[in-house]
Amino acid sequence: MYTSLAIQHATNPHTGLLGDSFYVVYDGTMTWHDVPGMAQYAAIHVDRDLGAGTYRLDYSRHPIAALAQNWLVQRGADLDQLTVEFEDPMATDQVTRDLENFLAASGDRFRNIDDYTHDSSDFYKTWIIAADDRPDPGQQPVRVIYEDIDTANHSYTLRQGGFATVDAARSWVDRVGEPDNPLPPLTGAPSARAAGAGAHSSVAITLSAPAPAPAPAEDRPARPQRR
């Protein structure tokens, strides 16, 4: 069950005919999938060869919508036209908005190492471990992007933290959500911090972190329509 969240169609400037289509969708079936924690958003690019009368379809999964936007922007989408809209948006703050915008426009600087989406009714959180191939002076080379959904209050936040190594980031995500496990701040240049300094994950998603056992199907909630 796919829910369309953002669509952009681009026409060929010479013919006026439809050339490319870009979609950000939410895959509602993933919450019921037999492999827990899989990315629940998808980016779809339809590239039409008008001369040959053919088309090519490329597809990639992402743990949050901003990263699906990013993948499409790298393939020619216009971020100003590819606005994600949810049917029942959740409340959030400006820090979250700034980081989402940074992620969507940040190009290929960051590599996705791992991610996981916990989607039980009382623990709805997503974490992403990303490596920075071009860190600013003084910045840690590994980031954790952490989305925390408060279903009771219909709100969410997106935050990031910095780590010296992937192992240190994995140690943090192993205890995600525990009160004595705050996300460490990202260090580095003030300009990067002010910009949100969000990590970017582009293409393939690898699920290698230890996964909690999925709840019985009747207890797994549908993904909340958010943002």
N, C-alpha and C. Protein backbone atom coordinates (compact mmCIF):
# COMPACT_ATOMS: atom_id res chain seq x y z
N MET A 1 0.84 -1.19 0.00
CA MET A 1 0.00 0.00 0.00
C MET A 1 0.88 1.24 0.00
N TYR A 2 0.93 1.93 -1.13
CA TYR A 2 1.74 3.13 -1.24
C TYR A 2 0.88 4.38 -1.06
N THR A 3 1.42 5.34 -0.31
CA THR A 3 0.79 6.65 -0.15
C THR A 3 1.72 7.69 -0.75
N SER A 4 1.26 8.42 -1.74
CA SER A 4 2.09 9.42 -2.39
C SER A 4 2.21 10.65 -1.51
N LEU A 5 3.44 11.10 -1.26
CA LEU A 5 3.70 12.26 -0.41
C LEU A 5 4.22 13.46 -1.18
N ALA A 6 4.87 13.24 -2.31
CA ALA A 6 5.40 14.33 -3.13
C ALA A 6 5.53 13.85 -4.56
N ILE A 7 5.17 14.72 -5.50
CA ILE A 7 5.25 14.39 -6.93
C ILE A 7 5.76 15.61 -7.69
N GLN A 8 6.70 15.38 -8.60
CA GLN A 8 7.11 16.41 -9.53
C GLN A 8 7.20 15.81 -10.92
N HIS A 9 6.59 16.48 -11.91
CA HIS A 9 6.70 16.09 -13.31
C HIS A 9 7.50 17.16 -14.05
N ALA A 10 8.43 16.74 -14.88
CA ALA A 10 9.26 17.67 -15.64
C ALA A 10 9.09 17.41 -17.13
N THR A 11 8.83 18.46 -17.88
CA THR A 11 8.63 18.33 -19.32
C THR A 11 9.91 18.61 -20.07
N ASN A 12 10.04 18.04 -21.26
CA ASN A 12 11.17 18.30 -22.14
C ASN A 12 11.06 19.74 -22.66
N PRO A 13 12.08 20.59 -22.47
CA PRO A 13 11.95 22.00 -22.87
C PRO A 13 11.81 22.19 -24.38
N HIS A 14 12.22 21.21 -25.17
CA HIS A 14 12.16 21.35 -26.63
C HIS A 14 10.83 20.89 -27.20
N THR A 15 10.23 19.87 -26.57
CA THR A 15 8.99 19.31 -27.12
C THR A 15 7.77 19.63 -26.28
N GLY A 16 7.99 20.00 -25.02
CA GLY A 16 6.85 20.22 -24.13
C GLY A 16 6.21 18.93 -23.64
N LEU A 17 6.81 17.78 -23.97
CA LEU A 17 6.27 16.49 -23.56
C LEU A 17 6.88 16.07 -22.22
N LEU A 18 6.15 15.22 -21.52
CA LEU A 18 6.58 14.77 -20.20
C LEU A 18 7.85 13.93 -20.32
N GLY A 19 8.92 14.34 -19.61
CA GLY A 19 10.18 13.61 -19.67
C GLY A 19 10.49 12.83 -18.41
N ASP A 20 10.42 13.49 -17.25
CA ASP A 20 10.75 12.83 -15.99
C ASP A 20 9.61 12.99 -14.99
N SER A 21 9.46 11.99 -14.14
CA SER A 21 8.53 12.07 -13.01
C SER A 21 9.27 11.60 -11.77
N PHE A 22 9.04 12.32 -10.65
CA PHE A 22 9.70 12.03 -9.39
C PHE A 22 8.64 11.86 -8.31
N TYR A 23 8.77 10.79 -7.50
CA TYR A 23 7.78 10.49 -6.48
C TYR A 23 8.47 10.18 -5.15
N VAL A 24 7.93 10.71 -4.06
CA VAL A 24 8.25 10.26 -2.72
C VAL A 24 7.00 9.58 -2.18
N VAL A 25 7.13 8.32 -1.76
CA VAL A 25 5.96 7.57 -1.30
C VAL A 25 6.27 6.90 0.03
N TYR A 26 5.22 6.65 0.78
CA TYR A 26 5.33 5.84 1.99
C TYR A 26 4.74 4.47 1.71
N ASP A 27 5.50 3.44 2.07
CA ASP A 27 5.08 2.06 1.85
C ASP A 27 4.47 1.52 3.13
N GLY A 28 3.14 1.52 3.22
CA GLY A 28 2.45 1.07 4.42
C GLY A 28 2.58 -0.41 4.69
N THR A 29 3.04 -1.19 3.72
CA THR A 29 3.17 -2.63 3.95
C THR A 29 4.40 -2.96 4.78
N MET A 30 5.37 -2.04 4.85
CA MET A 30 6.62 -2.37 5.51
C MET A 30 6.45 -2.58 7.01
N THR A 31 5.46 -1.95 7.62
CA THR A 31 5.24 -2.14 9.05
C THR A 31 4.79 -3.56 9.36
N TRP A 32 4.30 -4.28 8.34
CA TRP A 32 3.85 -5.66 8.53
C TRP A 32 4.84 -6.65 7.94
N HIS A 33 5.96 -6.19 7.44
CA HIS A 33 6.92 -7.05 6.75
C HIS A 33 7.57 -8.03 7.74
N ASP A 34 8.00 -9.17 7.20
CA ASP A 34 8.59 -10.18 8.09
C ASP A 34 9.99 -9.81 8.55
N VAL A 35 10.61 -8.78 7.97
CA VAL A 35 11.91 -8.30 8.42
C VAL A 35 11.71 -6.96 9.11
N PRO A 36 11.77 -6.90 10.44
CA PRO A 36 11.49 -5.64 11.14
C PRO A 36 12.58 -4.61 10.90
N GLY A 37 12.20 -3.35 11.00
CA GLY A 37 13.15 -2.26 10.94
C GLY A 37 13.46 -1.72 9.56
N MET A 38 12.85 -2.28 8.51
CA MET A 38 13.19 -1.85 7.16
C MET A 38 12.70 -0.43 6.88
N ALA A 39 13.41 0.25 5.98
CA ALA A 39 13.05 1.62 5.60
C ALA A 39 11.66 1.64 4.99
N GLN A 40 10.86 2.65 5.39
CA GLN A 40 9.45 2.66 5.01
C GLN A 40 9.10 3.71 3.96
N TYR A 41 10.09 4.47 3.49
CA TYR A 41 9.84 5.44 2.43
C TYR A 41 10.55 4.98 1.16
N ALA A 42 10.01 5.40 0.02
CA ALA A 42 10.62 5.05 -1.26
C ALA A 42 10.68 6.28 -2.15
N ALA A 43 11.75 6.36 -2.92
CA ALA A 43 11.91 7.37 -3.95
C ALA A 43 11.84 6.67 -5.30
N ILE A 44 11.05 7.22 -6.22
CA ILE A 44 10.84 6.60 -7.53
C ILE A 44 11.10 7.66 -8.61
N HIS A 45 11.94 7.31 -9.57
CA HIS A 45 12.24 8.20 -10.70
C HIS A 45 11.85 7.49 -11.99
N VAL A 46 10.98 8.12 -12.77
CA VAL A 46 10.61 7.62 -14.09
C VAL A 46 11.26 8.52 -15.14
N ASP A 47 12.16 7.94 -15.94
CA ASP A 47 12.92 8.68 -16.95
C ASP A 47 12.46 8.19 -18.32
N ARG A 48 11.81 9.08 -19.09
CA ARG A 48 11.25 8.70 -20.39
C ARG A 48 12.18 9.10 -21.53
N ASP A 49 12.43 8.17 -22.44
CA ASP A 49 13.16 8.43 -23.68
C ASP A 49 12.12 8.68 -24.76
N LEU A 50 11.86 9.96 -25.03
CA LEU A 50 10.76 10.30 -25.93
C LEU A 50 11.05 9.86 -27.36
N GLY A 51 12.32 9.90 -27.74
CA GLY A 51 12.66 9.49 -29.09
C GLY A 51 12.44 8.01 -29.34
N ALA A 52 12.83 7.20 -28.37
CA ALA A 52 12.70 5.74 -28.51
C ALA A 52 11.34 5.24 -28.07
N GLY A 53 10.57 6.08 -27.38
CA GLY A 53 9.26 5.63 -26.91
C GLY A 53 9.37 4.64 -25.77
N THR A 54 10.42 4.77 -24.94
CA THR A 54 10.63 3.86 -23.81
C THR A 54 10.79 4.66 -22.53
N TYR A 55 10.84 3.95 -21.42
CA TYR A 55 11.09 4.62 -20.14
C TYR A 55 11.91 3.71 -19.24
N ARG A 56 12.58 4.33 -18.27
CA ARG A 56 13.35 3.60 -17.25
C ARG A 56 12.84 4.01 -15.89
N LEU A 57 12.69 3.05 -14.98
CA LEU A 57 12.22 3.32 -13.63
C LEU A 57 13.29 2.92 -12.63
N ASP A 58 13.71 3.88 -11.81
CA ASP A 58 14.68 3.63 -10.74
C ASP A 58 13.97 3.82 -9.40
N TYR A 59 14.40 3.05 -8.40
CA TYR A 59 13.67 2.97 -7.14
C TYR A 59 14.67 2.80 -6.00
N SER A 60 14.45 3.50 -4.89
CA SER A 60 15.35 3.37 -3.74
C SER A 60 14.57 3.59 -2.45
N ARG A 61 14.89 2.78 -1.42
CA ARG A 61 14.23 2.91 -0.11
C ARG A 61 15.05 3.80 0.81
N HIS A 62 14.35 4.53 1.70
CA HIS A 62 15.00 5.44 2.64
C HIS A 62 14.24 5.45 3.96
N PRO A 63 14.96 5.67 5.06
CA PRO A 63 14.32 5.60 6.38
C PRO A 63 13.49 6.83 6.75
N ILE A 64 13.78 8.00 6.13
CA ILE A 64 12.97 9.19 6.36
C ILE A 64 12.72 9.86 5.01
N ALA A 65 11.67 10.68 4.95
CA ALA A 65 11.27 11.27 3.68
C ALA A 65 12.31 12.22 3.11
N ALA A 66 13.03 12.95 3.97
CA ALA A 66 14.02 13.91 3.48
C ALA A 66 15.11 13.24 2.67
N LEU A 67 15.47 12.01 3.03
CA LEU A 67 16.51 11.30 2.29
C LEU A 67 15.98 10.77 0.96
N ALA A 68 14.70 10.46 0.91
CA ALA A 68 14.09 10.10 -0.38
C ALA A 68 14.10 11.31 -1.31
N GLN A 69 13.80 12.49 -0.77
CA GLN A 69 13.90 13.71 -1.58
C GLN A 69 15.32 13.89 -2.10
N ASN A 70 16.30 13.69 -1.23
CA ASN A 70 17.69 13.88 -1.62
C ASN A 70 18.07 13.00 -2.80
N TRP A 71 17.69 11.74 -2.73
CA TRP A 71 18.01 10.79 -3.81
C TRP A 71 17.43 11.28 -5.13
N LEU A 72 16.23 11.84 -5.09
CA LEU A 72 15.59 12.33 -6.32
C LEU A 72 16.23 13.62 -6.81
N VAL A 73 16.60 14.50 -5.89
CA VAL A 73 17.27 15.74 -6.29
C VAL A 73 18.57 15.43 -7.02
N GLN A 74 19.28 14.40 -6.58
CA GLN A 74 20.52 14.01 -7.26
C GLN A 74 20.26 13.47 -8.66
N ARG A 75 19.01 13.16 -8.96
CA ARG A 75 18.64 12.65 -10.28
C ARG A 75 17.85 13.67 -11.09
N GLY A 76 17.89 14.94 -10.65
CA GLY A 76 17.31 16.00 -11.46
C GLY A 76 16.05 16.63 -10.94
N ALA A 77 15.52 16.16 -9.83
CA ALA A 77 14.30 16.75 -9.28
C ALA A 77 14.59 18.15 -8.74
N ASP A 78 13.57 19.00 -8.75
CA ASP A 78 13.65 20.34 -8.19
C ASP A 78 13.06 20.30 -6.79
N LEU A 79 13.90 20.51 -5.77
CA LEU A 79 13.44 20.38 -4.39
C LEU A 79 12.32 21.36 -4.08
N ASP A 80 12.32 22.53 -4.71
CA ASP A 80 11.26 23.50 -4.47
C ASP A 80 9.90 22.99 -4.93
N GLN A 81 9.90 22.08 -5.90
CA GLN A 81 8.65 21.52 -6.41
C GLN A 81 8.32 20.16 -5.79
N LEU A 82 9.29 19.57 -5.10
CA LEU A 82 9.10 18.22 -4.55
C LEU A 82 8.82 18.33 -3.05
N THR A 83 7.74 19.00 -2.71
CA THR A 83 7.38 19.25 -1.32
C THR A 83 6.61 18.07 -0.74
N VAL A 84 7.10 17.56 0.40
CA VAL A 84 6.44 16.43 1.05
C VAL A 84 5.24 16.94 1.84
N GLU A 85 4.08 16.35 1.59
CA GLU A 85 2.85 16.75 2.28
C GLU A 85 2.16 15.51 2.83
N PHE A 86 1.90 15.53 4.13
CA PHE A 86 1.20 14.43 4.79
C PHE A 86 -0.26 14.79 4.99
N GLU A 87 -1.11 13.79 4.92
CA GLU A 87 -2.55 14.02 5.08
C GLU A 87 -2.88 14.57 6.45
N ASP A 88 -2.21 14.07 7.47
CA ASP A 88 -2.45 14.53 8.84
C ASP A 88 -1.10 14.87 9.46
N PRO A 89 -0.54 16.04 9.14
CA PRO A 89 0.84 16.35 9.56
C PRO A 89 0.97 16.46 11.07
N MET A 90 2.13 16.00 11.56
CA MET A 90 2.45 16.11 12.98
C MET A 90 3.14 17.43 13.26
N ALA A 91 3.00 17.90 14.49
CA ALA A 91 3.69 19.11 14.91
C ALA A 91 5.18 18.82 15.08
N THR A 92 6.02 19.84 14.83
CA THR A 92 7.45 19.69 15.05
C THR A 92 8.03 21.06 15.33
N ASP A 93 9.37 21.18 15.34
CA ASP A 93 10.02 22.45 15.65
C ASP A 93 10.93 22.88 14.51
N GLN A 94 11.50 24.09 14.63
CA GLN A 94 12.31 24.64 13.55
C GLN A 94 13.62 23.88 13.38
N VAL A 95 14.17 23.36 14.48
CA VAL A 95 15.40 22.57 14.37
C VAL A 95 15.17 21.37 13.46
N THR A 96 14.04 20.72 13.62
CA THR A 96 13.69 19.58 12.77
C THR A 96 13.55 20.01 11.33
N ARG A 97 12.84 21.10 11.09
CA ARG A 97 12.64 21.58 9.72
C ARG A 97 13.98 21.92 9.06
N ASP A 98 14.85 22.58 9.80
CA ASP A 98 16.14 22.95 9.23
C ASP A 98 16.97 21.72 8.87
N LEU A 99 16.96 20.72 9.74
CA LEU A 99 17.73 19.52 9.47
C LEU A 99 17.14 18.74 8.29
N GLU A 100 15.82 18.67 8.20
CA GLU A 100 15.18 18.01 7.06
C GLU A 100 15.56 18.70 5.75
N ASN A 101 15.51 20.03 5.76
CA ASN A 101 15.88 20.77 4.55
C ASN A 101 17.34 20.54 4.17
N PHE A 102 18.20 20.50 5.18
CA PHE A 102 19.61 20.24 4.93
C PHE A 102 19.81 18.85 4.32
N LEU A 103 19.15 17.87 4.89
CA LEU A 103 19.28 16.50 4.39
C LEU A 103 18.81 16.40 2.94
N ALA A 104 17.70 17.04 2.64
CA ALA A 104 17.14 16.93 1.30
C ALA A 104 18.05 17.55 0.25
N ALA A 105 18.84 18.56 0.64
CA ALA A 105 19.65 19.31 -0.33
C ALA A 105 21.14 19.04 -0.20
N SER A 106 21.55 18.07 0.61
CA SER A 106 22.96 17.94 0.97
C SER A 106 23.81 17.12 0.01
N GLY A 107 23.26 16.65 -1.08
CA GLY A 107 24.06 15.96 -2.09
C GLY A 107 24.60 14.62 -1.61
N ASP A 108 25.82 14.28 -2.04
CA ASP A 108 26.37 12.96 -1.78
C ASP A 108 27.49 12.97 -0.74
N ARG A 109 27.49 13.96 0.12
CA ARG A 109 28.57 14.06 1.11
C ARG A 109 28.58 12.89 2.09
N PHE A 110 27.40 12.38 2.44
CA PHE A 110 27.30 11.37 3.48
C PHE A 110 26.93 10.01 2.90
N ARG A 111 27.45 8.96 3.53
CA ARG A 111 27.14 7.58 3.14
C ARG A 111 26.34 6.91 4.25
N ASN A 112 25.27 6.25 3.86
CA ASN A 112 24.47 5.51 4.84
C ASN A 112 25.22 4.24 5.24
N ILE A 113 25.46 4.08 6.54
CA ILE A 113 26.08 2.87 7.06
C ILE A 113 25.02 1.88 7.50
N ASP A 114 23.99 2.37 8.18
CA ASP A 114 22.95 1.49 8.71
C ASP A 114 21.76 2.35 9.14
N ASP A 115 20.61 1.73 9.25
CA ASP A 115 19.43 2.42 9.79
C ASP A 115 18.43 1.40 10.30
N TYR A 116 17.52 1.86 11.11
CA TYR A 116 16.49 0.98 11.67
C TYR A 116 15.28 1.82 12.05
N THR A 117 14.09 1.30 11.76
CA THR A 117 12.84 1.95 12.13
C THR A 117 12.09 1.08 13.12
N HIS A 118 11.96 1.56 14.36
CA HIS A 118 11.13 0.90 15.37
C HIS A 118 9.72 1.47 15.22
N ASP A 119 8.73 0.63 14.99
CA ASP A 119 7.39 1.16 14.75
C ASP A 119 6.31 0.47 15.59
N SER A 120 6.63 0.22 16.87
CA SER A 120 5.59 -0.27 17.77
C SER A 120 4.78 0.93 18.28
N SER A 121 3.62 0.67 18.82
CA SER A 121 2.73 1.75 19.23
C SER A 121 3.31 2.61 20.34
N ASP A 122 4.18 2.04 21.18
CA ASP A 122 4.73 2.80 22.31
C ASP A 122 6.21 3.14 22.11
N PHE A 123 6.78 2.82 20.96
CA PHE A 123 8.20 3.12 20.72
C PHE A 123 8.38 3.30 19.23
N TYR A 124 8.19 4.55 18.76
CA TYR A 124 8.19 4.84 17.34
C TYR A 124 9.37 5.73 17.02
N LYS A 125 10.50 5.13 16.62
CA LYS A 125 11.72 5.89 16.45
C LYS A 125 12.52 5.33 15.27
N THR A 126 13.27 6.21 14.62
CA THR A 126 14.14 5.80 13.52
C THR A 126 15.53 6.36 13.75
N TRP A 127 16.54 5.51 13.58
CA TRP A 127 17.91 6.00 13.65
C TRP A 127 18.65 5.66 12.36
N ILE A 128 19.62 6.52 12.02
CA ILE A 128 20.44 6.36 10.83
C ILE A 128 21.89 6.62 11.23
N ILE A 129 22.80 5.72 10.90
CA ILE A 129 24.23 5.95 11.07
C ILE A 129 24.79 6.30 9.70
N ALA A 130 25.45 7.46 9.61
CA ALA A 130 25.99 7.92 8.33
C ALA A 130 27.43 8.35 8.50
N ALA A 131 28.26 8.06 7.52
CA ALA A 131 29.66 8.48 7.52
C ALA A 131 29.82 9.74 6.67
N ASP A 132 30.61 10.67 7.18
CA ASP A 132 30.89 11.92 6.50
C ASP A 132 32.22 11.79 5.75
N ASP A 133 32.18 11.78 4.43
CA ASP A 133 33.40 11.65 3.63
C ASP A 133 34.17 12.97 3.52
N ARG A 134 33.51 14.08 3.84
CA ARG A 134 34.17 15.39 3.75
C ARG A 134 33.84 16.21 4.99
N PRO A 135 34.26 15.76 6.18
CA PRO A 135 33.91 16.50 7.40
C PRO A 135 34.59 17.87 7.43
N ASP A 136 33.89 18.83 8.01
CA ASP A 136 34.48 20.14 8.23
C ASP A 136 35.54 20.04 9.32
N PRO A 137 36.44 21.00 9.41
CA PRO A 137 37.50 20.94 10.43
C PRO A 137 36.92 20.77 11.83
N GLY A 138 37.42 19.76 12.53
CA GLY A 138 36.99 19.52 13.90
C GLY A 138 35.72 18.70 14.04
N GLN A 139 35.05 18.38 12.96
CA GLN A 139 33.81 17.62 13.04
C GLN A 139 34.09 16.12 13.12
N GLN A 140 33.24 15.42 13.86
CA GLN A 140 33.36 13.97 13.91
C GLN A 140 33.01 13.38 12.54
N PRO A 141 33.61 12.25 12.18
CA PRO A 141 33.38 11.67 10.86
C PRO A 141 32.13 10.81 10.75
N VAL A 142 31.43 10.61 11.87
CA VAL A 142 30.24 9.75 11.85
C VAL A 142 29.09 10.51 12.50
N ARG A 143 27.90 10.39 11.92
CA ARG A 143 26.71 11.03 12.47
C ARG A 143 25.65 9.98 12.77
N VAL A 144 24.82 10.29 13.75
CA VAL A 144 23.57 9.57 13.93
C VAL A 144 22.43 10.57 13.74
N ILE A 145 21.53 10.25 12.84
CA ILE A 145 20.30 11.03 12.66
C ILE A 145 19.19 10.27 13.37
N TYR A 146 18.46 10.96 14.23
CA TYR A 146 17.51 10.29 15.12
C TYR A 146 16.15 10.98 15.05
N GLU A 147 15.15 10.24 14.60
CA GLU A 147 13.78 10.73 14.54
C GLU A 147 12.97 10.08 15.66
N ASP A 148 12.34 10.91 16.47
CA ASP A 148 11.56 10.44 17.63
C ASP A 148 10.12 10.90 17.45
N ILE A 149 9.22 9.94 17.31
CA ILE A 149 7.80 10.25 17.11
C ILE A 149 7.05 10.05 18.42
N ASP A 150 6.34 11.08 18.84
CA ASP A 150 5.50 11.05 20.03
C ASP A 150 4.06 10.87 19.56
N THR A 151 3.62 9.61 19.50
CA THR A 151 2.28 9.34 18.96
C THR A 151 1.18 9.91 19.85
N ALA A 152 1.42 9.93 21.16
CA ALA A 152 0.39 10.43 22.08
C ALA A 152 0.10 11.91 21.84
N ASN A 153 1.15 12.67 21.55
CA ASN A 153 0.99 14.11 21.34
C ASN A 153 1.01 14.52 19.87
N HIS A 154 1.04 13.53 18.98
CA HIS A 154 0.99 13.77 17.53
C HIS A 154 2.08 14.77 17.11
N SER A 155 3.32 14.47 17.51
CA SER A 155 4.44 15.35 17.19
C SER A 155 5.69 14.50 16.97
N TYR A 156 6.73 15.13 16.42
CA TYR A 156 7.98 14.42 16.19
C TYR A 156 9.13 15.41 16.17
N THR A 157 10.33 14.89 16.38
CA THR A 157 11.54 15.69 16.26
C THR A 157 12.58 14.90 15.48
N LEU A 158 13.49 15.62 14.83
CA LEU A 158 14.63 15.03 14.14
C LEU A 158 15.88 15.71 14.66
N ARG A 159 16.84 14.91 15.13
CA ARG A 159 18.06 15.44 15.69
C ARG A 159 19.25 14.67 15.13
N GLN A 160 20.46 15.22 15.33
CA GLN A 160 21.68 14.54 14.91
C GLN A 160 22.73 14.66 16.00
N GLY A 161 23.63 13.69 16.02
CA GLY A 161 24.75 13.71 16.95
C GLY A 161 26.01 13.26 16.25
N GLY A 162 27.17 13.59 16.84
CA GLY A 162 28.44 13.25 16.23
C GLY A 162 29.19 12.18 17.00
N PHE A 163 29.90 11.32 16.27
CA PHE A 163 30.65 10.21 16.87
C PHE A 163 31.99 10.07 16.17
N ALA A 164 32.98 9.61 16.91
CA ALA A 164 34.31 9.44 16.35
C ALA A 164 34.40 8.20 15.47
N THR A 165 33.61 7.17 15.77
CA THR A 165 33.69 5.91 15.03
C THR A 165 32.29 5.34 14.83
N VAL A 166 32.19 4.42 13.88
CA VAL A 166 30.92 3.72 13.66
C VAL A 166 30.57 2.87 14.87
N ASP A 167 31.58 2.24 15.49
CA ASP A 167 31.31 1.43 16.68
C ASP A 167 30.71 2.26 17.80
N ALA A 168 31.20 3.49 17.98
CA ALA A 168 30.64 4.36 19.01
C ALA A 168 29.19 4.72 18.68
N ALA A 169 28.91 4.95 17.42
CA ALA A 169 27.53 5.23 17.01
C ALA A 169 26.64 4.02 17.24
N ARG A 170 27.14 2.82 16.96
CA ARG A 170 26.34 1.62 17.19
C ARG A 170 26.07 1.42 18.68
N SER A 171 27.04 1.75 19.52
CA SER A 171 26.82 1.63 20.96
C SER A 171 25.68 2.54 21.40
N TRP A 172 25.59 3.72 20.78
CA TRP A 172 24.50 4.64 21.14
C TRP A 172 23.15 4.10 20.67
N VAL A 173 23.08 3.64 19.41
CA VAL A 173 21.78 3.19 18.90
C VAL A 173 21.32 1.91 19.58
N ASP A 174 22.26 1.13 20.13
CA ASP A 174 21.86 -0.06 20.88
C ASP A 174 21.04 0.30 22.11
N ARG A 175 21.17 1.55 22.58
CA ARG A 175 20.43 1.98 23.77
C ARG A 175 19.51 3.15 23.45
N VAL A 176 19.07 3.22 22.20
CA VAL A 176 18.26 4.35 21.77
C VAL A 176 16.98 4.44 22.60
N GLY A 177 16.64 5.66 22.99
CA GLY A 177 15.42 5.90 23.74
C GLY A 177 15.56 5.81 25.25
N GLU A 178 16.71 5.32 25.73
CA GLU A 178 16.89 5.23 27.18
C GLU A 178 17.21 6.63 27.74
N PRO A 179 16.65 6.97 28.92
CA PRO A 179 16.78 8.34 29.44
C PRO A 179 18.21 8.75 29.76
N ASP A 180 19.09 7.80 30.07
CA ASP A 180 20.47 8.14 30.39
C ASP A 180 21.40 8.01 29.17
N ASN A 181 20.81 8.11 27.98
CA ASN A 181 21.57 7.94 26.75
C ASN A 181 21.31 9.12 25.80
N PRO A 182 21.69 10.34 26.20
CA PRO A 182 21.43 11.51 25.34
C PRO A 182 22.28 11.45 24.08
N LEU A 183 21.76 12.03 23.01
CA LEU A 183 22.50 12.08 21.75
C LEU A 183 23.62 13.11 21.89
N PRO A 184 24.88 12.69 21.72
CA PRO A 184 25.99 13.65 21.89
C PRO A 184 25.97 14.70 20.80
N PRO A 185 26.39 15.93 21.11
CA PRO A 185 26.33 17.01 20.12
C PRO A 185 27.34 16.81 18.99
N LEU A 186 27.04 17.43 17.87
CA LEU A 186 27.96 17.46 16.75
C LEU A 186 28.93 18.62 16.96
N THR A 187 30.22 18.32 16.94
CA THR A 187 31.22 19.37 17.10
C THR A 187 31.68 19.87 15.75
N GLY A 188 32.42 20.98 15.74
CA GLY A 188 32.98 21.46 14.49
C GLY A 188 32.73 22.92 14.25
N ALA A 189 32.81 23.31 12.98
CA ALA A 189 32.72 24.71 12.61
C ALA A 189 31.36 25.29 12.96
N PRO A 190 31.32 26.51 13.53
CA PRO A 190 30.03 27.14 13.86
C PRO A 190 29.12 27.26 12.66
N SER A 191 29.67 27.51 11.48
CA SER A 191 28.82 27.65 10.30
C SER A 191 28.08 26.37 9.99
N ALA A 192 28.75 25.22 10.19
CA ALA A 192 28.11 23.93 9.93
C ALA A 192 27.02 23.66 10.95
N ARG A 193 27.30 23.99 12.23
CA ARG A 193 26.27 23.78 13.26
C ARG A 193 25.07 24.66 12.98
N ALA A 194 25.29 25.90 12.57
CA ALA A 194 24.19 26.81 12.34
C ALA A 194 23.33 26.36 11.18
N ALA A 195 23.95 25.69 10.21
CA ALA A 195 23.21 25.24 9.04
C ALA A 195 22.42 23.98 9.30
N GLY A 196 22.50 23.45 10.52
CA GLY A 196 21.83 22.20 10.80
C GLY A 196 22.78 21.04 10.69
N ALA A 197 23.82 21.18 9.85
CA ALA A 197 24.87 20.18 9.69
C ALA A 197 24.33 18.78 9.63
N GLY A 198 23.24 18.57 8.89
CA GLY A 198 22.60 17.27 8.84
C GLY A 198 23.40 16.28 8.06
N ALA A 199 23.29 15.03 8.45
CA ALA A 199 23.92 13.97 7.68
C ALA A 199 23.07 13.65 6.48
N HIS A 200 23.69 13.04 5.47
CA HIS A 200 22.95 12.64 4.28
C HIS A 200 23.17 11.15 4.01
N SER A 201 22.08 10.50 3.69
CA SER A 201 22.15 9.11 3.26
C SER A 201 21.54 9.05 1.89
N SER A 202 22.23 8.48 0.93
CA SER A 202 21.73 8.56 -0.42
C SER A 202 21.06 7.27 -0.87
N VAL A 203 21.79 6.25 -1.16
CA VAL A 203 21.19 5.15 -1.87
C VAL A 203 20.87 3.97 -0.98
N ALA A 204 21.61 2.89 -1.13
CA ALA A 204 21.18 1.63 -0.54
C ALA A 204 21.11 1.68 0.98
N ILE A 205 20.14 0.99 1.53
CA ILE A 205 19.96 0.87 2.97
C ILE A 205 20.39 -0.53 3.38
N THR A 206 21.29 -0.63 4.35
CA THR A 206 21.78 -1.93 4.82
C THR A 206 21.28 -2.17 6.23
N LEU A 207 20.62 -3.28 6.45
CA LEU A 207 20.09 -3.60 7.76
C LEU A 207 20.97 -4.65 8.41
N SER A 208 21.86 -4.20 9.30
CA SER A 208 22.75 -5.16 9.93
C SER A 208 22.76 -5.04 11.44
N ALA A 209 22.04 -4.05 11.98
CA ALA A 209 22.01 -3.90 13.43
C ALA A 209 21.13 -4.97 14.04
N PRO A 210 21.39 -5.37 15.30
CA PRO A 210 20.53 -6.34 15.95
C PRO A 210 19.10 -5.84 15.97
N ALA A 211 18.17 -6.66 15.56
CA ALA A 211 16.78 -6.24 15.44
C ALA A 211 15.95 -6.87 16.54
N PRO A 212 15.13 -6.06 17.24
CA PRO A 212 14.22 -6.64 18.21
C PRO A 212 13.17 -7.48 17.52
N ALA A 213 12.67 -8.47 18.21
CA ALA A 213 11.66 -9.34 17.62
C ALA A 213 10.42 -8.54 17.31
N PRO A 214 9.80 -8.74 16.12
CA PRO A 214 8.61 -7.98 15.77
C PRO A 214 7.44 -8.40 16.64
N ALA A 215 6.55 -7.42 16.90
CA ALA A 215 5.34 -7.73 17.66
C ALA A 215 4.42 -8.57 16.80
N PRO A 216 3.50 -9.31 17.42
CA PRO A 216 2.52 -10.05 16.63
C PRO A 216 1.79 -9.11 15.69
N ALA A 217 1.36 -9.62 14.56
CA ALA A 217 0.77 -8.78 13.53
C ALA A 217 -0.40 -7.96 14.04
N GLU A 218 -1.22 -8.55 14.91
CA GLU A 218 -2.38 -7.79 15.37
C GLU A 218 -2.02 -6.63 16.26
N ASP A 219 -0.79 -6.61 16.78
CA ASP A 219 -0.36 -5.53 17.65
C ASP A 219 0.48 -4.49 16.94
N ARG A 220 0.83 -4.71 15.66
CA ARG A 220 1.67 -3.76 14.94
C ARG A 220 0.78 -2.64 14.39
N PRO A 221 1.03 -1.39 14.73
CA PRO A 221 0.17 -0.31 14.28
C PRO A 221 0.47 0.09 12.85
N ALA A 222 -0.51 0.72 12.20
CA ALA A 222 -0.25 1.32 10.91
C ALA A 222 0.63 2.54 11.13
N ARG A 223 1.45 2.86 10.13
CA ARG A 223 2.33 4.01 10.22
C ARG A 223 1.51 5.29 10.34
N PRO A 224 1.76 6.12 11.33
CA PRO A 224 0.97 7.34 11.45
C PRO A 224 1.25 8.30 10.30
N GLN A 225 0.19 8.94 9.77
CA GLN A 225 0.38 9.97 8.78
C GLN A 225 0.91 11.21 9.47
N ARG A 226 2.14 11.60 9.13
CA ARG A 226 2.79 12.62 9.93
C ARG A 226 3.44 13.69 9.07
N ARG A 227 3.86 14.76 9.76
CA ARG A 227 4.50 15.90 9.16
C ARG A 227 3.55 16.61 8.24
